[in-house]
PDB file of all heavy atoms in Angstrom:
ATOM      1  N   PRO A   1       4.444  -1.305 -12.751  1.00  0.00           N
ATOM      2  CA  PRO A   1       5.080  -0.189 -12.041  1.00  0.00           C
ATOM      3  C   PRO A   1       4.395   1.153 -12.239  1.00  0.00           C
ATOM      4  O   PRO A   1       4.413   1.987 -11.336  1.00  0.00           O
ATOM      5  CB  PRO A   1       6.504  -0.179 -12.594  1.00  0.00           C
ATOM      6  CG  PRO A   1       6.445  -0.929 -13.876  1.00  0.00           C
ATOM      7  CD  PRO A   1       5.323  -1.914 -13.730  1.00  0.00           C
ATOM      8  N   GLN A   2       3.785   1.369 -13.372  1.00  0.00           N
ATOM      9  CA  GLN A   2       3.139   2.652 -13.627  1.00  0.00           C
ATOM     10  C   GLN A   2       1.975   2.895 -12.672  1.00  0.00           C
ATOM     11  O   GLN A   2       1.563   4.014 -12.464  1.00  0.00           O
ATOM     12  CB  GLN A   2       2.690   2.758 -15.089  1.00  0.00           C
ATOM     13  CG  GLN A   2       1.582   1.819 -15.499  1.00  0.00           C
ATOM     14  CD  GLN A   2       1.988   0.373 -15.782  1.00  0.00           C
ATOM     15  OE1 GLN A   2       3.082  -0.066 -15.474  1.00  0.00           O
ATOM     16  NE2 GLN A   2       1.080  -0.375 -16.367  1.00  0.00           N
ATOM     17  N   VAL A   3       1.473   1.822 -12.055  1.00  0.00           N
ATOM     18  CA  VAL A   3       0.316   1.943 -11.167  1.00  0.00           C
ATOM     19  C   VAL A   3       0.696   1.788  -9.696  1.00  0.00           C
ATOM     20  O   VAL A   3       0.164   2.492  -8.850  1.00  0.00           O
ATOM     21  CB  VAL A   3      -0.748   0.875 -11.535  1.00  0.00           C
ATOM     22  CG1 VAL A   3      -1.935   0.935 -10.582  1.00  0.00           C
ATOM     23  CG2 VAL A   3      -1.204   1.036 -12.969  1.00  0.00           C
ATOM     24  N   VAL A   4       1.606   0.887  -9.372  1.00  0.00           N
ATOM     25  CA  VAL A   4       1.783   0.519  -7.971  1.00  0.00           C
ATOM     26  C   VAL A   4       3.186   0.756  -7.388  1.00  0.00           C
ATOM     27  O   VAL A   4       3.454   0.306  -6.285  1.00  0.00           O
ATOM     28  CB  VAL A   4       1.369  -0.945  -7.734  1.00  0.00           C
ATOM     29  CG1 VAL A   4      -0.104  -1.142  -7.981  1.00  0.00           C
ATOM     30  CG2 VAL A   4       2.193  -1.890  -8.572  1.00  0.00           C
ATOM     31  N   THR A   5       4.046   1.458  -8.084  1.00  0.00           N
ATOM     32  CA  THR A   5       5.387   1.694  -7.543  1.00  0.00           C
ATOM     33  C   THR A   5       5.326   2.372  -6.177  1.00  0.00           C
ATOM     34  O   THR A   5       5.974   1.929  -5.229  1.00  0.00           O
ATOM     35  CB  THR A   5       6.231   2.526  -8.521  1.00  0.00           C
ATOM     36  OG1 THR A   5       6.444   1.750  -9.693  1.00  0.00           O
ATOM     37  CG2 THR A   5       7.570   2.905  -7.912  1.00  0.00           C
ATOM     38  N   LYS A   6       4.550   3.427  -6.058  1.00  0.00           N
ATOM     39  CA  LYS A   6       4.474   4.144  -4.780  1.00  0.00           C
ATOM     40  C   LYS A   6       3.896   3.257  -3.683  1.00  0.00           C
ATOM     41  O   LYS A   6       4.318   3.321  -2.531  1.00  0.00           O
ATOM     42  CB  LYS A   6       3.654   5.422  -4.920  1.00  0.00           C
ATOM     43  CG  LYS A   6       4.396   6.516  -5.652  1.00  0.00           C
ATOM     44  CD  LYS A   6       3.592   7.795  -5.656  1.00  0.00           C
ATOM     45  CE  LYS A   6       4.350   8.895  -6.365  1.00  0.00           C
ATOM     46  NZ  LYS A   6       3.592  10.151  -6.378  1.00  0.00           N
ATOM     47  N   ALA A   7       2.945   2.415  -4.036  1.00  0.00           N
ATOM     48  CA  ALA A   7       2.359   1.510  -3.043  1.00  0.00           C
ATOM     49  C   ALA A   7       3.401   0.519  -2.539  1.00  0.00           C
ATOM     50  O   ALA A   7       3.424   0.186  -1.344  1.00  0.00           O
ATOM     51  CB  ALA A   7       1.166   0.775  -3.632  1.00  0.00           C
ATOM     52  N   HIS A   8       4.264   0.052  -3.408  1.00  0.00           N
ATOM     53  CA  HIS A   8       5.314  -0.873  -2.979  1.00  0.00           C
ATOM     54  C   HIS A   8       6.339  -0.169  -2.093  1.00  0.00           C
ATOM     55  O   HIS A   8       6.810  -0.746  -1.110  1.00  0.00           O
ATOM     56  CB  HIS A   8       5.972  -1.546  -4.175  1.00  0.00           C
ATOM     57  CG  HIS A   8       5.134  -2.654  -4.713  1.00  0.00           C
ATOM     58  ND1 HIS A   8       5.243  -3.945  -4.273  1.00  0.00           N
ATOM     59  CD2 HIS A   8       4.155  -2.661  -5.627  1.00  0.00           C
ATOM     60  CE1 HIS A   8       4.372  -4.697  -4.892  1.00  0.00           C
ATOM     61  NE2 HIS A   8       3.694  -3.943  -5.729  1.00  0.00           N
ATOM     62  N   LEU A   9       6.676   1.050  -2.434  1.00  0.00           N
ATOM     63  CA  LEU A   9       7.569   1.819  -1.564  1.00  0.00           C
ATOM     64  C   LEU A   9       6.911   2.037  -0.198  1.00  0.00           C
ATOM     65  O   LEU A   9       7.568   1.940   0.838  1.00  0.00           O
ATOM     66  CB  LEU A   9       7.920   3.157  -2.211  1.00  0.00           C
ATOM     67  CG  LEU A   9       8.814   3.081  -3.454  1.00  0.00           C
ATOM     68  CD1 LEU A   9       8.883   4.441  -4.139  1.00  0.00           C
ATOM     69  CD2 LEU A   9      10.199   2.568  -3.103  1.00  0.00           C
ATOM     70  N   ALA A  10       5.607   2.281  -0.212  1.00  0.00           N
ATOM     71  CA  ALA A  10       4.869   2.460   1.037  1.00  0.00           C
ATOM     72  C   ALA A  10       4.860   1.167   1.852  1.00  0.00           C
ATOM     73  O   ALA A  10       5.018   1.198   3.078  1.00  0.00           O
ATOM     74  CB  ALA A  10       3.441   2.918   0.743  1.00  0.00           C
ATOM     75  N   GLY A  11       4.702   0.037   1.184  1.00  0.00           N
ATOM     76  CA  GLY A  11       4.739  -1.247   1.886  1.00  0.00           C
ATOM     77  C   GLY A  11       6.090  -1.474   2.545  1.00  0.00           C
ATOM     78  O   GLY A  11       6.181  -1.966   3.670  1.00  0.00           O
ATOM     79  N   CYS A  12       7.146  -1.119   1.851  1.00  0.00           N
ATOM     80  CA  CYS A  12       8.499  -1.226   2.411  1.00  0.00           C
ATOM     81  C   CYS A  12       8.623  -0.328   3.638  1.00  0.00           C
ATOM     82  O   CYS A  12       9.136  -0.749   4.680  1.00  0.00           O
ATOM     83  CB  CYS A  12       9.530  -0.849   1.348  1.00  0.00           C
ATOM     84  SG  CYS A  12      11.225  -0.772   1.978  1.00  0.00           S
ATOM     85  N   ALA A  13       8.146   0.909   3.528  1.00  0.00           N
ATOM     86  CA  ALA A  13       8.228   1.848   4.649  1.00  0.00           C
ATOM     87  C   ALA A  13       7.415   1.337   5.835  1.00  0.00           C
ATOM     88  O   ALA A  13       7.853   1.459   6.986  1.00  0.00           O
ATOM     89  CB  ALA A  13       7.748   3.229   4.209  1.00  0.00           C
ATOM     90  N   ALA A  14       6.263   0.750   5.577  1.00  0.00           N
ATOM     91  CA  ALA A  14       5.447   0.183   6.655  1.00  0.00           C
ATOM     92  C   ALA A  14       6.182  -0.978   7.319  1.00  0.00           C
ATOM     93  O   ALA A  14       6.166  -1.118   8.554  1.00  0.00           O
ATOM     94  CB  ALA A  14       4.099  -0.272   6.109  1.00  0.00           C
ATOM     95  N   ALA A  15       6.854  -1.801   6.524  1.00  0.00           N
ATOM     96  CA  ALA A  15       7.604  -2.937   7.061  1.00  0.00           C
ATOM     97  C   ALA A  15       8.722  -2.464   7.984  1.00  0.00           C
ATOM     98  O   ALA A  15       9.029  -3.122   8.986  1.00  0.00           O
ATOM     99  CB  ALA A  15       8.169  -3.781   5.919  1.00  0.00           C
ATOM    100  N   LYS A  16       9.325  -1.333   7.667  1.00  0.00           N
ATOM    101  CA  LYS A  16      10.403  -0.808   8.502  1.00  0.00           C
ATOM    102  C   LYS A  16       9.892  -0.413   9.897  1.00  0.00           C
ATOM    103  O   LYS A  16      10.671  -0.314  10.828  1.00  0.00           O
ATOM    104  CB  LYS A  16      11.081   0.376   7.818  1.00  0.00           C
ATOM    105  CG  LYS A  16      11.922  -0.077   6.609  1.00  0.00           C
ATOM    106  CD  LYS A  16      12.536   1.083   5.878  1.00  0.00           C
ATOM    107  CE  LYS A  16      13.554   1.809   6.660  1.00  0.00           C
ATOM    108  NZ  LYS A  16      14.905   1.354   6.625  1.00  0.00           N
ATOM    109  N   GLN A  17       8.570  -0.250  10.015  1.00  0.00           N
ATOM    110  CA  GLN A  17       7.965   0.032  11.322  1.00  0.00           C
ATOM    111  C   GLN A  17       7.296  -1.223  11.892  1.00  0.00           C
ATOM    112  O   GLN A  17       6.573  -1.150  12.889  1.00  0.00           O
ATOM    113  CB  GLN A  17       6.947   1.164  11.200  1.00  0.00           C
ATOM    114  CG  GLN A  17       7.575   2.503  10.867  1.00  0.00           C
ATOM    115  CD  GLN A  17       6.564   3.630  10.890  1.00  0.00           C
ATOM    116  OE1 GLN A  17       5.686   3.690  11.755  1.00  0.00           O
ATOM    117  NE2 GLN A  17       6.697   4.562   9.947  1.00  0.00           N
ATOM    118  N   GLY A  18       7.500  -2.361  11.225  1.00  0.00           N
ATOM    119  CA  GLY A  18       6.910  -3.605  11.708  1.00  0.00           C
ATOM    120  C   GLY A  18       5.417  -3.709  11.469  1.00  0.00           C
ATOM    121  O   GLY A  18       4.724  -4.471  12.139  1.00  0.00           O
ATOM    122  N   LYS A  19       4.909  -2.947  10.492  1.00  0.00           N
ATOM    123  CA  LYS A  19       3.463  -2.923  10.259  1.00  0.00           C
ATOM    124  C   LYS A  19       3.111  -3.213   8.807  1.00  0.00           C
ATOM    125  O   LYS A  19       2.118  -2.707   8.285  1.00  0.00           O
ATOM    126  CB  LYS A  19       2.895  -1.575  10.685  1.00  0.00           C
ATOM    127  CG  LYS A  19       3.077  -1.332  12.179  1.00  0.00           C
ATOM    128  CD  LYS A  19       2.108  -0.356  12.701  1.00  0.00           C
ATOM    129  CE  LYS A  19       2.266  -0.281  14.218  1.00  0.00           C
ATOM    130  NZ  LYS A  19       1.158   0.372  14.832  1.00  0.00           N
ATOM    131  N   PHE A  20       3.911  -4.057   8.163  1.00  0.00           N
ATOM    132  CA  PHE A  20       3.618  -4.380   6.766  1.00  0.00           C
ATOM    133  C   PHE A  20       2.249  -5.033   6.623  1.00  0.00           C
ATOM    134  O   PHE A  20       1.468  -4.667   5.748  1.00  0.00           O
ATOM    135  CB  PHE A  20       4.689  -5.294   6.161  1.00  0.00           C
ATOM    136  CG  PHE A  20       4.339  -5.737   4.771  1.00  0.00           C
ATOM    137  CD1 PHE A  20       4.507  -4.886   3.693  1.00  0.00           C
ATOM    138  CD2 PHE A  20       3.802  -7.002   4.542  1.00  0.00           C
ATOM    139  CE1 PHE A  20       4.160  -5.266   2.415  1.00  0.00           C
ATOM    140  CE2 PHE A  20       3.450  -7.388   3.255  1.00  0.00           C
ATOM    141  CZ  PHE A  20       3.636  -6.519   2.201  1.00  0.00           C
ATOM    142  N   LYS A  21       1.960  -6.022   7.459  1.00  0.00           N
ATOM    143  CA  LYS A  21       0.693  -6.739   7.332  1.00  0.00           C
ATOM    144  C   LYS A  21      -0.495  -5.792   7.490  1.00  0.00           C
ATOM    145  O   LYS A  21      -1.447  -5.857   6.706  1.00  0.00           O
ATOM    146  CB  LYS A  21       0.598  -7.879   8.345  1.00  0.00           C
ATOM    147  CG  LYS A  21      -0.676  -8.705   8.165  1.00  0.00           C
ATOM    148  CD  LYS A  21      -0.721  -9.886   9.091  1.00  0.00           C
ATOM    149  CE  LYS A  21      -1.949 -10.750   8.958  1.00  0.00           C
ATOM    150  NZ  LYS A  21      -3.130 -10.236   8.353  1.00  0.00           N
ATOM    151  N   GLU A  22      -0.420  -4.910   8.473  1.00  0.00           N
ATOM    152  CA  GLU A  22      -1.508  -3.960   8.670  1.00  0.00           C
ATOM    153  C   GLU A  22      -1.674  -3.069   7.437  1.00  0.00           C
ATOM    154  O   GLU A  22      -2.789  -2.822   6.976  1.00  0.00           O
ATOM    155  CB  GLU A  22      -1.253  -3.089   9.905  1.00  0.00           C
ATOM    156  CG  GLU A  22      -1.305  -3.832  11.211  1.00  0.00           C
ATOM    157  CD  GLU A  22       0.022  -4.459  11.625  1.00  0.00           C
ATOM    158  OE1 GLU A  22       0.923  -4.629  10.775  1.00  0.00           O
ATOM    159  OE2 GLU A  22       0.153  -4.788  12.815  1.00  0.00           O
ATOM    160  N   PHE A  23      -0.552  -2.582   6.902  1.00  0.00           N
ATOM    161  CA  PHE A  23      -0.617  -1.737   5.714  1.00  0.00           C
ATOM    162  C   PHE A  23      -1.186  -2.521   4.532  1.00  0.00           C
ATOM    163  O   PHE A  23      -2.098  -2.068   3.849  1.00  0.00           O
ATOM    164  CB  PHE A  23       0.766  -1.180   5.352  1.00  0.00           C
ATOM    165  CG  PHE A  23       0.730  -0.296   4.141  1.00  0.00           C
ATOM    166  CD1 PHE A  23       0.416   1.044   4.251  1.00  0.00           C
ATOM    167  CD2 PHE A  23       0.972  -0.818   2.876  1.00  0.00           C
ATOM    168  CE1 PHE A  23       0.352   1.862   3.125  1.00  0.00           C
ATOM    169  CE2 PHE A  23       0.906  -0.014   1.754  1.00  0.00           C
ATOM    170  CZ  PHE A  23       0.596   1.329   1.878  1.00  0.00           C
ATOM    171  N   LYS A  24      -0.651  -3.723   4.301  1.00  0.00           N
ATOM    172  CA  LYS A  24      -1.079  -4.546   3.161  1.00  0.00           C
ATOM    173  C   LYS A  24      -2.568  -4.860   3.237  1.00  0.00           C
ATOM    174  O   LYS A  24      -3.292  -4.714   2.247  1.00  0.00           O
ATOM    175  CB  LYS A  24      -0.276  -5.833   3.109  1.00  0.00           C
ATOM    176  CG  LYS A  24      -0.735  -6.802   2.018  1.00  0.00           C
ATOM    177  CD  LYS A  24      -0.136  -8.168   2.162  1.00  0.00           C
ATOM    178  CE  LYS A  24      -0.559  -8.903   3.377  1.00  0.00           C
ATOM    179  NZ  LYS A  24      -1.789  -9.670   3.324  1.00  0.00           N
ATOM    180  N   ASP A  25      -3.027  -5.301   4.395  1.00  0.00           N
ATOM    181  CA  ASP A  25      -4.443  -5.649   4.538  1.00  0.00           C
ATOM    182  C   ASP A  25      -5.330  -4.445   4.254  1.00  0.00           C
ATOM    183  O   ASP A  25      -6.333  -4.548   3.532  1.00  0.00           O
ATOM    184  CB  ASP A  25      -4.726  -6.200   5.937  1.00  0.00           C
ATOM    185  CG  ASP A  25      -4.104  -7.569   6.171  1.00  0.00           C
ATOM    186  OD1 ASP A  25      -3.631  -8.203   5.193  1.00  0.00           O
ATOM    187  OD2 ASP A  25      -4.067  -8.002   7.343  1.00  0.00           O
ATOM    188  N   ASN A  26      -4.968  -3.292   4.818  1.00  0.00           N
ATOM    189  CA  ASN A  26      -5.740  -2.073   4.558  1.00  0.00           C
ATOM    190  C   ASN A  26      -5.653  -1.654   3.094  1.00  0.00           C
ATOM    191  O   ASN A  26      -6.623  -1.188   2.513  1.00  0.00           O
ATOM    192  CB  ASN A  26      -5.249  -0.922   5.450  1.00  0.00           C
ATOM    193  CG  ASN A  26      -5.770  -1.016   6.858  1.00  0.00           C
ATOM    194  OD1 ASN A  26      -6.927  -1.351   7.076  1.00  0.00           O
ATOM    195  ND2 ASN A  26      -4.918  -0.733   7.829  1.00  0.00           N
ATOM    196  N   TRP A  27      -4.467  -1.815   2.500  1.00  0.00           N
ATOM    197  CA  TRP A  27      -4.279  -1.419   1.102  1.00  0.00           C
ATOM    198  C   TRP A  27      -5.215  -2.205   0.188  1.00  0.00           C
ATOM    199  O   TRP A  27      -5.880  -1.647  -0.669  1.00  0.00           O
ATOM    200  CB  TRP A  27      -2.823  -1.623   0.681  1.00  0.00           C
ATOM    201  CG  TRP A  27      -2.592  -1.241  -0.740  1.00  0.00           C
ATOM    202  CD1 TRP A  27      -2.462  -2.082  -1.804  1.00  0.00           C
ATOM    203  CD2 TRP A  27      -2.504   0.077  -1.273  1.00  0.00           C
ATOM    204  NE1 TRP A  27      -2.293  -1.362  -2.960  1.00  0.00           N
ATOM    205  CE2 TRP A  27      -2.317  -0.036  -2.655  1.00  0.00           C
ATOM    206  CE3 TRP A  27      -2.568   1.342  -0.705  1.00  0.00           C
ATOM    207  CZ2 TRP A  27      -2.200   1.066  -3.490  1.00  0.00           C
ATOM    208  CZ3 TRP A  27      -2.442   2.441  -1.535  1.00  0.00           C
ATOM    209  CH2 TRP A  27      -2.265   2.300  -2.911  1.00  0.00           C
ATOM    210  N   TRP A  28      -5.269  -3.511   0.388  1.00  0.00           N
ATOM    211  CA  TRP A  28      -6.129  -4.343  -0.468  1.00  0.00           C
ATOM    212  C   TRP A  28      -7.586  -3.959  -0.320  1.00  0.00           C
ATOM    213  O   TRP A  28      -8.321  -3.896  -1.312  1.00  0.00           O
ATOM    214  CB  TRP A  28      -5.934  -5.825  -0.167  1.00  0.00           C
ATOM    215  CG  TRP A  28      -4.676  -6.344  -0.765  1.00  0.00           C
ATOM    216  CD1 TRP A  28      -3.524  -6.656  -0.092  1.00  0.00           C
ATOM    217  CD2 TRP A  28      -4.404  -6.589  -2.140  1.00  0.00           C
ATOM    218  NE1 TRP A  28      -2.562  -7.065  -0.982  1.00  0.00           N
ATOM    219  CE2 TRP A  28      -3.068  -7.044  -2.244  1.00  0.00           C
ATOM    220  CE3 TRP A  28      -5.151  -6.462  -3.309  1.00  0.00           C
ATOM    221  CZ2 TRP A  28      -2.479  -7.369  -3.451  1.00  0.00           C
ATOM    222  CZ3 TRP A  28      -4.558  -6.795  -4.514  1.00  0.00           C
ATOM    223  CH2 TRP A  28      -3.245  -7.233  -4.574  1.00  0.00           C
ATOM    224  N   GLU A  29      -8.010  -3.707   0.904  1.00  0.00           N
ATOM    225  CA  GLU A  29      -9.424  -3.401   1.139  1.00  0.00           C
ATOM    226  C   GLU A  29      -9.796  -1.974   0.743  1.00  0.00           C
ATOM    227  O   GLU A  29     -10.834  -1.753   0.145  1.00  0.00           O
ATOM    228  CB  GLU A  29      -9.780  -3.627   2.613  1.00  0.00           C
ATOM    229  CG  GLU A  29      -9.820  -5.082   3.006  1.00  0.00           C
ATOM    230  CD  GLU A  29     -10.819  -5.908   2.208  1.00  0.00           C
ATOM    231  OE1 GLU A  29     -11.950  -5.445   1.957  1.00  0.00           O
ATOM    232  OE2 GLU A  29     -10.448  -7.037   1.809  1.00  0.00           O
ATOM    233  N   LYS A  30      -8.957  -1.016   1.071  1.00  0.00           N
ATOM    234  CA  LYS A  30      -9.328   0.387   0.918  1.00  0.00           C
ATOM    235  C   LYS A  30      -8.810   1.041  -0.352  1.00  0.00           C
ATOM    236  O   LYS A  30      -9.283   2.113  -0.713  1.00  0.00           O
ATOM    237  CB  LYS A  30      -8.863   1.177   2.137  1.00  0.00           C
ATOM    238  CG  LYS A  30      -9.544   0.741   3.410  1.00  0.00           C
ATOM    239  CD  LYS A  30      -9.015   1.478   4.605  1.00  0.00           C
ATOM    240  CE  LYS A  30      -9.722   0.985   5.865  1.00  0.00           C
ATOM    241  NZ  LYS A  30      -9.067   1.424   7.070  1.00  0.00           N
ATOM    242  N   ALA A  31      -7.837   0.438  -1.002  1.00  0.00           N
ATOM    243  CA  ALA A  31      -7.265   1.083  -2.193  1.00  0.00           C
ATOM    244  C   ALA A  31      -7.341   0.178  -3.419  1.00  0.00           C
ATOM    245  O   ALA A  31      -7.893   0.562  -4.445  1.00  0.00           O
ATOM    246  CB  ALA A  31      -5.822   1.496  -1.924  1.00  0.00           C
ATOM    247  N   PHE A  32      -6.790  -1.012  -3.306  1.00  0.00           N
ATOM    248  CA  PHE A  32      -6.714  -1.869  -4.492  1.00  0.00           C
ATOM    249  C   PHE A  32      -8.103  -2.258  -4.994  1.00  0.00           C
ATOM    250  O   PHE A  32      -8.397  -2.111  -6.177  1.00  0.00           O
ATOM    251  CB  PHE A  32      -5.882  -3.131  -4.203  1.00  0.00           C
ATOM    252  CG  PHE A  32      -5.648  -3.953  -5.431  1.00  0.00           C
ATOM    253  CD1 PHE A  32      -4.657  -3.616  -6.329  1.00  0.00           C
ATOM    254  CD2 PHE A  32      -6.436  -5.056  -5.702  1.00  0.00           C
ATOM    255  CE1 PHE A  32      -4.443  -4.358  -7.476  1.00  0.00           C
ATOM    256  CE2 PHE A  32      -6.233  -5.812  -6.842  1.00  0.00           C
ATOM    257  CZ  PHE A  32      -5.231  -5.459  -7.728  1.00  0.00           C
ATOM    258  N   LYS A  33      -8.941  -2.746  -4.120  1.00  0.00           N
ATOM    259  CA  LYS A  33     -10.278  -3.193  -4.542  1.00  0.00           C
ATOM    260  C   LYS A  33     -11.121  -2.046  -5.075  1.00  0.00           C
ATOM    261  O   LYS A  33     -11.992  -2.254  -5.917  1.00  0.00           O
ATOM    262  CB  LYS A  33     -11.001  -3.888  -3.395  1.00  0.00           C
ATOM    263  CG  LYS A  33     -10.472  -5.274  -3.109  1.00  0.00           C
ATOM    264  CD  LYS A  33     -11.262  -5.947  -2.000  1.00  0.00           C
ATOM    265  CE  LYS A  33     -10.748  -7.342  -1.736  1.00  0.00           C
ATOM    266  NZ  LYS A  33     -11.486  -7.985  -0.627  1.00  0.00           N
ATOM    267  N   THR A  34     -10.883  -0.833  -4.590  1.00  0.00           N
ATOM    268  CA  THR A  34     -11.651   0.321  -5.052  1.00  0.00           C
ATOM    269  C   THR A  34     -10.963   1.047  -6.205  1.00  0.00           C
ATOM    270  O   THR A  34     -11.503   1.988  -6.753  1.00  0.00           O
ATOM    271  CB  THR A  34     -11.867   1.321  -3.898  1.00  0.00           C
ATOM    272  OG1 THR A  34     -10.596   1.816  -3.482  1.00  0.00           O
ATOM    273  CG2 THR A  34     -12.610   0.673  -2.750  1.00  0.00           C
ATOM    274  N   ARG A  35      -9.743   0.593  -6.539  1.00  0.00           N
ATOM    275  CA  ARG A  35      -8.922   1.187  -7.612  1.00  0.00           C
ATOM    276  C   ARG A  35      -8.531   2.629  -7.307  1.00  0.00           C
ATOM    277  O   ARG A  35      -8.284   3.421  -8.197  1.00  0.00           O
ATOM    278  CB  ARG A  35      -9.629   1.112  -8.975  1.00  0.00           C
ATOM    279  CG  ARG A  35      -9.898  -0.301  -9.435  1.00  0.00           C
ATOM    280  CD  ARG A  35      -8.592  -0.955  -9.796  1.00  0.00           C
ATOM    281  NE  ARG A  35      -8.803  -2.248 -10.423  1.00  0.00           N
ATOM    282  CZ  ARG A  35      -8.291  -3.374  -9.955  1.00  0.00           C
ATOM    283  NH1 ARG A  35      -7.555  -3.362  -8.886  1.00  0.00           N
ATOM    284  NH2 ARG A  35      -8.499  -4.507 -10.570  1.00  0.00           N
ATOM    285  N   LYS A  36      -8.491   2.970  -6.027  1.00  0.00           N
ATOM    286  CA  LYS A  36      -8.038   4.298  -5.605  1.00  0.00           C
ATOM    287  C   LYS A  36      -6.636   4.134  -5.049  1.00  0.00           C
ATOM    288  O   LYS A  36      -6.441   4.013  -3.842  1.00  0.00           O
ATOM    289  CB  LYS A  36      -8.991   4.872  -4.561  1.00  0.00           C
ATOM    290  CG  LYS A  36     -10.366   5.164  -5.101  1.00  0.00           C
ATOM    291  CD  LYS A  36     -11.271   5.724  -4.036  1.00  0.00           C
ATOM    292  CE  LYS A  36     -12.663   5.958  -4.616  1.00  0.00           C
ATOM    293  NZ  LYS A  36     -13.608   6.389  -3.592  1.00  0.00           N
ATOM    294  N   MET A  37      -5.638   4.138  -5.944  1.00  0.00           N
ATOM    295  CA  MET A  37      -4.262   3.859  -5.544  1.00  0.00           C
ATOM    296  C   MET A  37      -3.374   5.088  -5.690  1.00  0.00           C
ATOM    297  O   MET A  37      -2.253   5.009  -6.138  1.00  0.00           O
ATOM    298  CB  MET A  37      -3.731   2.680  -6.356  1.00  0.00           C
ATOM    299  CG  MET A  37      -4.513   1.403  -6.097  1.00  0.00           C
ATOM    300  SD  MET A  37      -3.904  -0.024  -6.993  1.00  0.00           S
ATOM    301  CE  MET A  37      -4.668   0.208  -8.586  1.00  0.00           C
ATOM    302  N   ASP A  38      -3.890   6.225  -5.288  1.00  0.00           N
ATOM    303  CA  ASP A  38      -3.154   7.478  -5.420  1.00  0.00           C
ATOM    304  C   ASP A  38      -2.437   7.825  -4.107  1.00  0.00           C
ATOM    305  O   ASP A  38      -2.514   7.084  -3.127  1.00  0.00           O
ATOM    306  CB  ASP A  38      -4.098   8.600  -5.844  1.00  0.00           C
ATOM    307  CG  ASP A  38      -5.280   8.770  -4.892  1.00  0.00           C
ATOM    308  OD1 ASP A  38      -5.299   8.143  -3.810  1.00  0.00           O
ATOM    309  OD2 ASP A  38      -6.189   9.547  -5.224  1.00  0.00           O
ATOM    310  N   ASP A  39      -1.749   8.955  -4.108  1.00  0.00           N
ATOM    311  CA  ASP A  39      -1.000   9.391  -2.926  1.00  0.00           C
ATOM    312  C   ASP A  39      -1.913   9.564  -1.707  1.00  0.00           C
ATOM    313  O   ASP A  39      -1.540   9.198  -0.587  1.00  0.00           O
ATOM    314  CB  ASP A  39      -0.266  10.701  -3.204  1.00  0.00           C
ATOM    315  CG  ASP A  39       0.874  10.529  -4.185  1.00  0.00           C
ATOM    316  OD1 ASP A  39       1.327   9.389  -4.391  1.00  0.00           O
ATOM    317  OD2 ASP A  39       1.337  11.547  -4.735  1.00  0.00           O
ATOM    318  N   GLU A  40      -3.091  10.111  -1.924  1.00  0.00           N
ATOM    319  CA  GLU A  40      -4.029  10.311  -0.820  1.00  0.00           C
ATOM    320  C   GLU A  40      -4.417   8.972  -0.188  1.00  0.00           C
ATOM    321  O   GLU A  40      -4.468   8.841   1.042  1.00  0.00           O
ATOM    322  CB  GLU A  40      -5.280  11.044  -1.320  1.00  0.00           C
ATOM    323  CG  GLU A  40      -6.266  11.366  -0.214  1.00  0.00           C
ATOM    324  CD  GLU A  40      -7.492  12.118  -0.727  1.00  0.00           C
ATOM    325  OE1 GLU A  40      -7.404  12.805  -1.760  1.00  0.00           O
ATOM    326  OE2 GLU A  40      -8.540  11.996  -0.068  1.00  0.00           O
TER     327      GLU A  40
END
């Protein structure tokens, strides 16, 4: 949770717009793999 709480909240918010998969796929490629998991 100290690292990914905001990302999970963001995934939930994306799902509410029907775009969870798009958010998740981009998150893994652009944030998780690069370890840039900040607000920006």
